[in-house]
Amino acid sequence: MIEGTGDLWDFYKDGYWVVIPTNGTVKRDGKAVMGAGLALDAARAFPDLPKKLGALLNDNGNHVRIIVDYRLIIFPTKKHWMDNSTLGLIKQSASELKKLLKTDLKDVKVCSPRVGCGLGKLSWDKVKPLLEGLNIVVVNNA
């Protein structure tokens, strides 16, 4: 893991895949809840993303997913959108991402926010060790 600063969407413009922190909530209309932060930015940029993610959540649960069409990596940090992020779910998601970085994503550049540390209310000091060893750039836009 390398720490950087800037805007994640500038990294995206430079060819990086972007990690999107998410939750496991699906609305009655089948769309994933993507109502704040980077998830909302992604939903606005890719209007069919909430429906695609909702289907993935309904079919396979709250796990790391690759959305190839948009160069996005869905990274669960919360079970429900109203919850705070949990270290346990971030640890699980980091493990799943690590496997993908060795297989499906081995030749791509990946950037991520400080997952769980904004709206998820976790401290970076507690989250950072869970991301060590991942071949990603963690961007702090603060």
C-alpha atoms as a PDB file:
ATOM      1  CA  MET A   1       0.000   0.000   0.000  1.00  0.00           C
ATOM      2  CA  ILE A   2       1.176   3.449  -0.913  1.00  0.00           C
ATOM      3  CA  GLU A   3      -0.403   6.561   0.568  1.00  0.00           C
ATOM      4  CA  GLY A   4      -1.123   9.488  -1.718  1.00  0.00           C
ATOM      5  CA  THR A   5      -3.155  12.664  -1.847  1.00  0.00           C
ATOM      6  CA  GLY A   6      -5.539  14.110  -4.383  1.00  0.00           C
ATOM      7  CA  ASP A   7      -8.881  13.415  -5.990  1.00  0.00           C
ATOM      8  CA  LEU A   8      -9.715   9.754  -6.657  1.00  0.00           C
ATOM      9  CA  TRP A   9     -11.478  10.690  -9.880  1.00  0.00           C
ATOM     10  CA  ASP A  10      -8.240  12.246 -11.180  1.00  0.00           C
ATOM     11  CA  PHE A  11      -6.576   8.869 -10.573  1.00  0.00           C
ATOM     12  CA  TYR A  12      -9.505   7.282 -12.438  1.00  0.00           C
ATOM     13  CA  LYS A  13      -8.878   9.589 -15.400  1.00  0.00           C
ATOM     14  CA  ASP A  14      -5.271   8.347 -15.348  1.00  0.00           C
ATOM     15  CA  GLY A  15      -6.409   4.732 -15.790  1.00  0.00           C
ATOM     16  CA  TYR A  16      -6.726   3.564 -12.194  1.00  0.00           C
ATOM     17  CA  TRP A  17      -9.530   1.342 -10.962  1.00  0.00           C
ATOM     18  CA  VAL A  18     -11.330   2.985  -8.020  1.00  0.00           C
ATOM     19  CA  VAL A  19     -12.377   1.250  -4.802  1.00  0.00           C
ATOM     20  CA  ILE A  20     -15.900   2.295  -3.777  1.00  0.00           C
ATOM     21  CA  PRO A  21     -16.800   1.736  -0.093  1.00  0.00           C
ATOM     22  CA  THR A  22     -20.324   0.340   0.162  1.00  0.00           C
ATOM     23  CA  ASN A  23     -22.881  -1.335   2.376  1.00  0.00           C
ATOM     24  CA  GLY A  24     -25.067  -4.394   1.915  1.00  0.00           C
ATOM     25  CA  THR A  25     -28.458  -2.690   1.810  1.00  0.00           C
ATOM     26  CA  VAL A  26     -30.779  -3.225  -1.166  1.00  0.00           C
ATOM     27  CA  LYS A  27     -33.956  -1.152  -1.529  1.00  0.00           C
ATOM     28  CA  ARG A  28     -37.344  -2.583  -2.535  1.00  0.00           C
ATOM     29  CA  ASP A  29     -36.732  -1.494  -6.126  1.00  0.00           C
ATOM     30  CA  GLY A  30     -33.662  -3.759  -6.248  1.00  0.00           C
ATOM     31  CA  LYS A  31     -31.120  -0.943  -6.188  1.00  0.00           C
ATOM     32  CA  ALA A  32     -28.234  -0.875  -3.734  1.00  0.00           C
ATOM     33  CA  VAL A  33     -28.210   2.050  -1.333  1.00  0.00           C
ATOM     34  CA  MET A  34     -25.495   4.393  -2.611  1.00  0.00           C
ATOM     35  CA  GLY A  35     -26.653   7.654  -1.078  1.00  0.00           C
ATOM     36  CA  ALA A  36     -23.538   9.362   0.267  1.00  0.00           C
ATOM     37  CA  GLY A  37     -19.828   9.890  -0.191  1.00  0.00           C
ATOM     38  CA  LEU A  38     -17.884   8.158  -2.921  1.00  0.00           C
ATOM     39  CA  ALA A  39     -20.698   5.646  -3.468  1.00  0.00           C
ATOM     40  CA  LEU A  40     -23.049   8.503  -4.348  1.00  0.00           C
ATOM     41  CA  ASP A  41     -20.430   9.994  -6.681  1.00  0.00           C
ATOM     42  CA  ALA A  42     -20.155   6.631  -8.456  1.00  0.00           C
ATOM     43  CA  ALA A  43     -23.941   6.216  -8.651  1.00  0.00           C
ATOM     44  CA  ARG A  44     -24.241   9.658 -10.240  1.00  0.00           C
ATOM     45  CA  ALA A  45     -21.436   8.950 -12.711  1.00  0.00           C
ATOM     46  CA  PHE A  46     -22.821   5.503 -13.610  1.00  0.00           C
ATOM     47  CA  PRO A  47     -26.641   5.626 -13.216  1.00  0.00           C
ATOM     48  CA  ASP A  48     -27.164   1.869 -13.664  1.00  0.00           C
ATOM     49  CA  LEU A  49     -24.576   0.989 -10.991  1.00  0.00           C
ATOM     50  CA  PRO A  50     -27.047   0.834  -8.045  1.00  0.00           C
ATOM     51  CA  LYS A  51     -29.204  -1.682  -9.963  1.00  0.00           C
ATOM     52  CA  LYS A  52     -26.161  -3.795 -10.939  1.00  0.00           C
ATOM     53  CA  LEU A  53     -24.831  -3.761  -7.391  1.00  0.00           C
ATOM     54  CA  GLY A  54     -28.266  -4.508  -5.943  1.00  0.00           C
ATOM     55  CA  ALA A  55     -28.472  -7.641  -8.114  1.00  0.00           C
ATOM     56  CA  LEU A  56     -24.982  -8.729  -7.013  1.00  0.00           C
ATOM     57  CA  LEU A  57     -25.870  -8.206  -3.353  1.00  0.00           C
ATOM     58  CA  ASN A  58     -29.106 -10.180  -3.710  1.00  0.00           C
ATOM     59  CA  ASP A  59     -27.372 -13.015  -5.561  1.00  0.00           C
ATOM     60  CA  ASN A  60     -24.107 -13.332  -3.643  1.00  0.00           C
ATOM     61  CA  GLY A  61     -24.140 -11.205  -0.498  1.00  0.00           C
ATOM     62  CA  ASN A  62     -21.982  -8.350   0.719  1.00  0.00           C
ATOM     63  CA  HIS A  63     -18.568  -9.086  -0.817  1.00  0.00           C
ATOM     64  CA  VAL A  64     -15.927  -7.360  -2.896  1.00  0.00           C
ATOM     65  CA  ARG A  65     -17.059  -7.136  -6.509  1.00  0.00           C
ATOM     66  CA  ILE A  66     -15.424  -5.980  -9.714  1.00  0.00           C
ATOM     67  CA  ILE A  67     -17.519  -3.816 -12.023  1.00  0.00           C
ATOM     68  CA  VAL A  68     -15.412  -4.188 -15.164  1.00  0.00           C
ATOM     69  CA  ASP A  69     -17.503  -1.842 -17.320  1.00  0.00           C
ATOM     70  CA  TYR A  70     -16.603   1.097 -15.073  1.00  0.00           C
ATOM     71  CA  ARG A  71     -13.229   0.081 -13.589  1.00  0.00           C
ATOM     72  CA  LEU A  72     -14.748   0.041 -10.109  1.00  0.00           C
ATOM     73  CA  ILE A  73     -14.157  -2.269  -7.172  1.00  0.00           C
ATOM     74  CA  ILE A  74     -17.024  -2.533  -4.710  1.00  0.00           C
ATOM     75  CA  PHE A  75     -15.590  -2.773  -1.179  1.00  0.00           C
ATOM     76  CA  PRO A  76     -18.059  -3.430   1.652  1.00  0.00           C
ATOM     77  CA  THR A  77     -17.349  -1.579   4.885  1.00  0.00           C
ATOM     78  CA  LYS A  78     -20.875  -1.667   6.399  1.00  0.00           C
ATOM     79  CA  LYS A  79     -23.680  -4.189   6.603  1.00  0.00           C
ATOM     80  CA  HIS A  80     -26.463  -1.589   6.603  1.00  0.00           C
ATOM     81  CA  TRP A  81     -26.201   1.952   5.269  1.00  0.00           C
ATOM     82  CA  MET A  82     -27.100   3.437   8.670  1.00  0.00           C
ATOM     83  CA  ASP A  83     -24.358   1.516  10.500  1.00  0.00           C
ATOM     84  CA  ASN A  84     -20.823   2.653  11.107  1.00  0.00           C
ATOM     85  CA  SER A  85     -18.158   0.727   9.244  1.00  0.00           C
ATOM     86  CA  THR A  86     -16.666  -2.268  11.049  1.00  0.00           C
ATOM     87  CA  LEU A  87     -13.074  -3.415  11.189  1.00  0.00           C
ATOM     88  CA  GLY A  88     -14.222  -7.013  10.730  1.00  0.00           C
ATOM     89  CA  LEU A  89     -15.937  -6.303   7.425  1.00  0.00           C
ATOM     90  CA  ILE A  90     -13.034  -4.169   6.221  1.00  0.00           C
ATOM     91  CA  LYS A  91     -10.650  -7.012   7.095  1.00  0.00           C
ATOM     92  CA  GLN A  92     -12.829  -9.460   5.124  1.00  0.00           C
ATOM     93  CA  SER A  93     -13.035  -7.065   2.170  1.00  0.00           C
ATOM     94  CA  ALA A  94      -9.268  -6.448   2.221  1.00  0.00           C
ATOM     95  CA  SER A  95      -8.673 -10.205   2.133  1.00  0.00           C
ATOM     96  CA  GLU A  96     -11.053 -10.616  -0.809  1.00  0.00           C
ATOM     97  CA  LEU A  97      -9.411  -7.702  -2.639  1.00  0.00           C
ATOM     98  CA  LYS A  98      -5.956  -9.156  -2.023  1.00  0.00           C
ATOM     99  CA  LYS A  99      -7.010 -12.361  -3.799  1.00  0.00           C
ATOM    100  CA  LEU A 100      -8.423 -10.410  -6.737  1.00  0.00           C
ATOM    101  CA  LEU A 101      -5.235  -8.358  -7.020  1.00  0.00           C
ATOM    102  CA  LYS A 102      -3.330 -11.618  -7.525  1.00  0.00           C
ATOM    103  CA  THR A 103      -5.745 -12.937 -10.170  1.00  0.00           C
ATOM    104  CA  ASP A 104      -8.316 -10.835 -12.027  1.00  0.00           C
ATOM    105  CA  LEU A 105      -6.721  -7.473 -11.204  1.00  0.00           C
ATOM    106  CA  LYS A 106      -3.032  -8.364 -11.294  1.00  0.00           C
ATOM    107  CA  ASP A 107      -2.209  -6.010 -14.168  1.00  0.00           C
ATOM    108  CA  VAL A 108      -4.212  -2.958 -13.139  1.00  0.00           C
ATOM    109  CA  LYS A 109      -3.547   0.124 -11.031  1.00  0.00           C
ATOM    110  CA  VAL A 110      -5.949   0.512  -8.088  1.00  0.00           C
ATOM    111  CA  CYS A 111      -6.648   3.482  -5.860  1.00  0.00           C
ATOM    112  CA  SER A 112      -8.833   3.661  -2.784  1.00  0.00           C
ATOM    113  CA  PRO A 113     -10.035   6.182  -0.271  1.00  0.00           C
ATOM    114  CA  ARG A 114      -9.363   5.594   3.397  1.00  0.00           C
ATOM    115  CA  VAL A 115     -12.193   3.059   3.530  1.00  0.00           C
ATOM    116  CA  GLY A 116     -14.435   3.321   6.576  1.00  0.00           C
ATOM    117  CA  CYS A 117     -12.797   6.518   7.793  1.00  0.00           C
ATOM    118  CA  GLY A 118     -15.199   9.112   6.472  1.00  0.00           C
ATOM    119  CA  LEU A 119     -18.888   8.409   6.864  1.00  0.00           C
ATOM    120  CA  GLY A 120     -17.987   5.054   8.439  1.00  0.00           C
ATOM    121  CA  LYS A 121     -16.464   6.869  11.432  1.00  0.00           C
ATOM    122  CA  LEU A 122     -13.398   4.662  11.926  1.00  0.00           C
ATOM    123  CA  SER A 123      -9.929   6.040  12.567  1.00  0.00           C
ATOM    124  CA  TRP A 124      -7.263   5.635   9.912  1.00  0.00           C
ATOM    125  CA  ASP A 125      -4.846   4.330  12.554  1.00  0.00           C
ATOM    126  CA  LYS A 126      -7.102   1.282  13.022  1.00  0.00           C
ATOM    127  CA  VAL A 127      -7.938   0.733   9.338  1.00  0.00           C
ATOM    128  CA  LYS A 128      -4.467   1.250   7.855  1.00  0.00           C
ATOM    129  CA  PRO A 129      -2.966  -2.035   9.183  1.00  0.00           C
ATOM    130  CA  LEU A 130      -5.806  -3.972   7.496  1.00  0.00           C
ATOM    131  CA  LEU A 131      -4.792  -2.582   4.088  1.00  0.00           C
ATOM    132  CA  GLU A 132      -1.048  -3.133   4.447  1.00  0.00           C
ATOM    133  CA  GLY A 133       0.272  -5.503   1.822  1.00  0.00           C
ATOM    134  CA  LEU A 134      -2.326  -4.540  -0.805  1.00  0.00           C
ATOM    135  CA  ASN A 135      -0.916  -3.289  -4.081  1.00  0.00           C
ATOM    136  CA  ILE A 136      -3.012  -0.097  -4.080  1.00  0.00           C
ATOM    137  CA  VAL A 137      -2.677   3.648  -3.663  1.00  0.00           C
ATOM    138  CA  VAL A 138      -4.742   4.906  -0.722  1.00  0.00           C
ATOM    139  CA  VAL A 139      -5.694   8.475  -1.430  1.00  0.00           C
ATOM    140  CA  ASN A 140      -6.359  11.008   1.298  1.00  0.00           C
ATOM    141  CA  ASN A 141      -8.276  13.905  -0.180  1.00  0.00           C
ATOM    142  CA  ALA A 142      -8.296  15.849   3.099  1.00  0.00           C
END
